[in-house]
Amino acid sequence: MMHTAVGWHVELEFMEDDQQTRAVAMVRLPDGSEVRANGHASRHHTDANQPRVGEEIAGARALNELAMQMLTKAHGEIDDASGRISHPIHV
């Protein structure tokens, strides 16, 4: 039987203008550290102005970068604990 030991809360913030959307993703870890990542989306001048779509793209890119940073962090922790170099974790 599995028990939940921790929970993570990820925050996303967006900054937008008529042409670009920027996103910042941040997760606070149980040890008090934070990991942050950025994403962006640009609207072509002939596309309709759809802010929600820009948020989805920029948010997804920020979350993807956040995931890659978390994998890198995990590799470092594995290597530190084992004293050897771990194999890459592929997504």
N, C-alpha and C. Protein backbone atom coordinates (compact mmCIF):
# COMPACT_ATOMS: atom_id res chain seq x y z
N MET A 1 0.84 -1.18 0.00
CA MET A 1 0.00 0.00 0.00
C MET A 1 0.89 1.25 0.00
N MET A 2 0.60 2.19 -0.90
CA MET A 2 1.38 3.42 -1.01
C MET A 2 0.81 4.50 -0.10
N HIS A 3 1.70 5.28 0.46
CA HIS A 3 1.31 6.43 1.27
C HIS A 3 1.94 7.68 0.67
N THR A 4 1.19 8.75 0.62
CA THR A 4 1.72 10.02 0.12
C THR A 4 2.53 10.67 1.22
N ALA A 5 3.81 10.90 0.93
CA ALA A 5 4.70 11.49 1.92
C ALA A 5 4.81 13.00 1.75
N VAL A 6 4.73 13.48 0.52
CA VAL A 6 4.87 14.91 0.26
C VAL A 6 3.94 15.32 -0.87
N GLY A 7 3.77 16.59 -1.02
CA GLY A 7 3.04 17.15 -2.16
C GLY A 7 3.82 18.34 -2.68
N TRP A 8 3.75 18.56 -3.95
CA TRP A 8 4.41 19.72 -4.56
C TRP A 8 3.34 20.63 -5.13
N HIS A 9 3.56 21.91 -5.00
CA HIS A 9 2.66 22.89 -5.60
C HIS A 9 3.46 23.67 -6.63
N VAL A 10 2.99 23.65 -7.86
CA VAL A 10 3.63 24.37 -8.94
C VAL A 10 2.83 25.64 -9.20
N GLU A 11 3.53 26.76 -9.29
CA GLU A 11 2.89 28.03 -9.59
C GLU A 11 3.28 28.47 -10.99
N LEU A 12 2.32 29.03 -11.71
CA LEU A 12 2.58 29.59 -13.03
C LEU A 12 2.10 31.03 -13.03
N GLU A 13 2.94 31.92 -13.53
CA GLU A 13 2.56 33.32 -13.70
C GLU A 13 2.79 33.70 -15.15
N PHE A 14 1.90 34.56 -15.67
CA PHE A 14 1.98 34.96 -17.07
C PHE A 14 2.09 36.47 -17.20
N MET A 15 2.86 36.92 -18.18
CA MET A 15 2.96 38.32 -18.57
C MET A 15 2.67 38.36 -20.07
N GLU A 16 1.74 39.21 -20.47
CA GLU A 16 1.32 39.23 -21.87
C GLU A 16 1.26 40.64 -22.43
N ASP A 17 1.49 40.73 -23.74
CA ASP A 17 1.15 41.93 -24.49
C ASP A 17 0.47 41.44 -25.77
N ASP A 18 0.32 42.30 -26.75
CA ASP A 18 -0.41 41.90 -27.97
C ASP A 18 0.31 40.85 -28.80
N GLN A 19 1.62 40.73 -28.65
CA GLN A 19 2.40 39.83 -29.49
C GLN A 19 3.06 38.67 -28.77
N GLN A 20 3.30 38.80 -27.47
CA GLN A 20 4.06 37.78 -26.76
C GLN A 20 3.42 37.43 -25.42
N THR A 21 3.60 36.19 -25.03
CA THR A 21 3.22 35.72 -23.70
C THR A 21 4.44 35.07 -23.08
N ARG A 22 4.74 35.45 -21.87
CA ARG A 22 5.84 34.85 -21.13
C ARG A 22 5.26 34.17 -19.89
N ALA A 23 5.83 33.03 -19.54
CA ALA A 23 5.38 32.28 -18.37
C ALA A 23 6.57 31.97 -17.48
N VAL A 24 6.34 31.99 -16.19
CA VAL A 24 7.33 31.57 -15.21
C VAL A 24 6.68 30.46 -14.39
N ALA A 25 7.34 29.31 -14.33
CA ALA A 25 6.87 28.19 -13.51
C ALA A 25 7.83 28.04 -12.33
N MET A 26 7.25 27.75 -11.17
CA MET A 26 8.07 27.60 -9.98
C MET A 26 7.48 26.50 -9.11
N VAL A 27 8.37 25.65 -8.58
CA VAL A 27 7.96 24.62 -7.63
C VAL A 27 8.80 24.78 -6.37
N ARG A 28 8.13 24.71 -5.22
CA ARG A 28 8.83 24.72 -3.93
C ARG A 28 8.92 23.27 -3.47
N LEU A 29 10.13 22.85 -3.15
CA LEU A 29 10.36 21.48 -2.73
C LEU A 29 10.33 21.38 -1.21
N PRO A 30 10.11 20.18 -0.67
CA PRO A 30 10.01 20.00 0.78
C PRO A 30 11.24 20.48 1.55
N ASP A 31 12.41 20.50 0.90
CA ASP A 31 13.62 20.96 1.60
C ASP A 31 13.73 22.48 1.62
N GLY A 32 12.73 23.18 1.08
CA GLY A 32 12.72 24.64 1.07
C GLY A 32 13.31 25.26 -0.18
N SER A 33 13.92 24.46 -1.03
CA SER A 33 14.50 25.00 -2.26
C SER A 33 13.39 25.25 -3.30
N GLU A 34 13.70 26.09 -4.25
CA GLU A 34 12.77 26.40 -5.33
C GLU A 34 13.47 26.16 -6.67
N VAL A 35 12.71 25.71 -7.63
CA VAL A 35 13.20 25.55 -9.00
C VAL A 35 12.27 26.39 -9.88
N ARG A 36 12.87 27.23 -10.73
CA ARG A 36 12.11 28.13 -11.60
C ARG A 36 12.50 27.90 -13.05
N ALA A 37 11.53 28.11 -13.93
CA ALA A 37 11.79 27.98 -15.37
C ALA A 37 10.90 28.96 -16.12
N ASN A 38 11.32 29.29 -17.32
CA ASN A 38 10.60 30.25 -18.16
C ASN A 38 10.14 29.60 -19.45
N GLY A 39 9.07 30.14 -20.01
CA GLY A 39 8.58 29.74 -21.31
C GLY A 39 8.02 30.95 -22.02
N HIS A 40 7.89 30.88 -23.33
CA HIS A 40 7.34 32.01 -24.07
C HIS A 40 6.57 31.52 -25.27
N ALA A 41 5.72 32.40 -25.77
CA ALA A 41 4.99 32.17 -27.01
C ALA A 41 4.88 33.51 -27.72
N SER A 42 5.01 33.48 -29.03
CA SER A 42 4.87 34.69 -29.85
C SER A 42 3.73 34.51 -30.83
N ARG A 43 2.94 35.56 -30.99
CA ARG A 43 1.83 35.52 -31.94
C ARG A 43 2.28 36.14 -33.25
N HIS A 44 2.06 35.43 -34.33
CA HIS A 44 2.33 35.99 -35.64
C HIS A 44 1.32 37.10 -35.90
N HIS A 45 1.74 38.17 -36.55
CA HIS A 45 0.86 39.33 -36.72
C HIS A 45 -0.42 39.02 -37.52
N THR A 46 -0.44 37.93 -38.28
CA THR A 46 -1.65 37.58 -39.03
C THR A 46 -2.58 36.65 -38.24
N ASP A 47 -2.13 36.15 -37.09
CA ASP A 47 -2.97 35.26 -36.27
C ASP A 47 -3.94 36.08 -35.42
N ALA A 48 -5.07 35.46 -35.12
CA ALA A 48 -6.04 36.09 -34.22
C ALA A 48 -5.44 36.21 -32.82
N ASN A 49 -5.84 37.24 -32.10
CA ASN A 49 -5.35 37.44 -30.74
C ASN A 49 -6.11 36.48 -29.81
N GLN A 50 -5.44 35.42 -29.37
CA GLN A 50 -6.02 34.41 -28.49
C GLN A 50 -5.13 34.24 -27.27
N PRO A 51 -5.31 35.10 -26.26
CA PRO A 51 -4.43 35.06 -25.09
C PRO A 51 -4.35 33.70 -24.41
N ARG A 52 -5.46 32.97 -24.34
CA ARG A 52 -5.46 31.66 -23.68
C ARG A 52 -4.52 30.70 -24.39
N VAL A 53 -4.48 30.74 -25.71
CA VAL A 53 -3.59 29.86 -26.47
C VAL A 53 -2.14 30.22 -26.17
N GLY A 54 -1.83 31.51 -26.12
CA GLY A 54 -0.48 31.94 -25.78
C GLY A 54 -0.08 31.46 -24.39
N GLU A 55 -1.03 31.53 -23.44
CA GLU A 55 -0.75 31.04 -22.09
C GLU A 55 -0.49 29.54 -22.09
N GLU A 56 -1.28 28.79 -22.85
CA GLU A 56 -1.08 27.34 -22.89
C GLU A 56 0.28 26.98 -23.47
N ILE A 57 0.69 27.66 -24.52
CA ILE A 57 1.98 27.36 -25.14
C ILE A 57 3.13 27.79 -24.22
N ALA A 58 3.08 29.02 -23.74
CA ALA A 58 4.14 29.51 -22.86
C ALA A 58 4.20 28.70 -21.57
N GLY A 59 3.03 28.37 -21.01
CA GLY A 59 2.99 27.56 -19.79
C GLY A 59 3.55 26.17 -20.00
N ALA A 60 3.19 25.54 -21.11
CA ALA A 60 3.71 24.20 -21.41
C ALA A 60 5.22 24.23 -21.58
N ARG A 61 5.74 25.26 -22.22
CA ARG A 61 7.18 25.36 -22.40
C ARG A 61 7.90 25.59 -21.07
N ALA A 62 7.30 26.39 -20.20
CA ALA A 62 7.90 26.61 -18.88
C ALA A 62 7.88 25.32 -18.06
N LEU A 63 6.77 24.59 -18.11
CA LEU A 63 6.69 23.33 -17.37
C LEU A 63 7.66 22.29 -17.92
N ASN A 64 7.84 22.27 -19.24
CA ASN A 64 8.80 21.35 -19.84
C ASN A 64 10.21 21.67 -19.35
N GLU A 65 10.57 22.95 -19.32
CA GLU A 65 11.88 23.35 -18.83
C GLU A 65 12.02 23.02 -17.35
N LEU A 66 10.95 23.21 -16.59
CA LEU A 66 10.97 22.87 -15.16
C LEU A 66 11.23 21.37 -14.99
N ALA A 67 10.58 20.55 -15.79
CA ALA A 67 10.79 19.10 -15.73
C ALA A 67 12.24 18.73 -16.04
N MET A 68 12.83 19.37 -17.04
CA MET A 68 14.21 19.07 -17.38
C MET A 68 15.16 19.48 -16.24
N GLN A 69 14.88 20.60 -15.59
CA GLN A 69 15.70 21.01 -14.47
C GLN A 69 15.57 20.04 -13.30
N MET A 70 14.36 19.52 -13.09
CA MET A 70 14.15 18.56 -12.00
C MET A 70 14.90 17.26 -12.29
N LEU A 71 14.92 16.82 -13.57
CA LEU A 71 15.68 15.63 -13.94
C LEU A 71 17.17 15.84 -13.70
N THR A 72 17.68 17.01 -14.07
CA THR A 72 19.09 17.33 -13.84
C THR A 72 19.41 17.33 -12.35
N LYS A 73 18.52 17.91 -11.56
CA LYS A 73 18.70 17.93 -10.10
C LYS A 73 18.72 16.51 -9.54
N ALA A 74 17.81 15.67 -10.02
CA ALA A 74 17.76 14.29 -9.55
C ALA A 74 19.04 13.54 -9.90
N HIS A 75 19.56 13.77 -11.11
CA HIS A 75 20.82 13.14 -11.50
C HIS A 75 21.94 13.51 -10.54
N GLY A 76 22.02 14.78 -10.22
CA GLY A 76 23.06 15.24 -9.30
C GLY A 76 22.94 14.57 -7.95
N GLU A 77 21.73 14.42 -7.47
CA GLU A 77 21.51 13.79 -6.16
C GLU A 77 21.84 12.30 -6.20
N ILE A 78 21.49 11.64 -7.31
CA ILE A 78 21.84 10.23 -7.47
C ILE A 78 23.36 10.07 -7.47
N ASP A 79 24.02 10.91 -8.26
CA ASP A 79 25.48 10.83 -8.36
C ASP A 79 26.16 11.12 -7.03
N ASP A 80 25.66 12.14 -6.32
CA ASP A 80 26.25 12.48 -5.02
C ASP A 80 26.09 11.34 -4.01
N ALA A 81 24.94 10.71 -4.01
CA ALA A 81 24.67 9.64 -3.04
C ALA A 81 25.40 8.35 -3.37
N SER A 82 25.58 8.08 -4.68
CA SER A 82 26.17 6.80 -5.08
C SER A 82 27.67 6.88 -5.32
N GLY A 83 28.18 8.09 -5.56
CA GLY A 83 29.60 8.23 -5.86
C GLY A 83 29.96 7.82 -7.28
N ARG A 84 28.97 7.67 -8.12
CA ARG A 84 29.25 7.34 -9.52
C ARG A 84 28.33 8.16 -10.42
N ILE A 85 28.55 8.08 -11.72
CA ILE A 85 27.76 8.86 -12.66
C ILE A 85 26.57 8.04 -13.11
N SER A 86 25.38 8.62 -12.95
CA SER A 86 24.15 7.92 -13.32
C SER A 86 23.90 8.03 -14.83
N HIS A 87 23.08 7.11 -15.33
CA HIS A 87 22.68 7.15 -16.74
C HIS A 87 21.60 8.21 -16.91
N PRO A 88 21.59 8.90 -18.04
CA PRO A 88 20.58 9.93 -18.26
C PRO A 88 19.16 9.36 -18.13
N ILE A 89 18.29 10.17 -17.58
CA ILE A 89 16.87 9.82 -17.50
C ILE A 89 16.22 10.44 -18.72
N HIS A 90 15.69 9.62 -19.61
CA HIS A 90 15.09 10.12 -20.85
C HIS A 90 13.60 10.31 -20.66
N VAL A 91 13.10 11.38 -21.26
CA VAL A 91 11.65 11.63 -21.22
C VAL A 91 11.08 11.51 -22.60
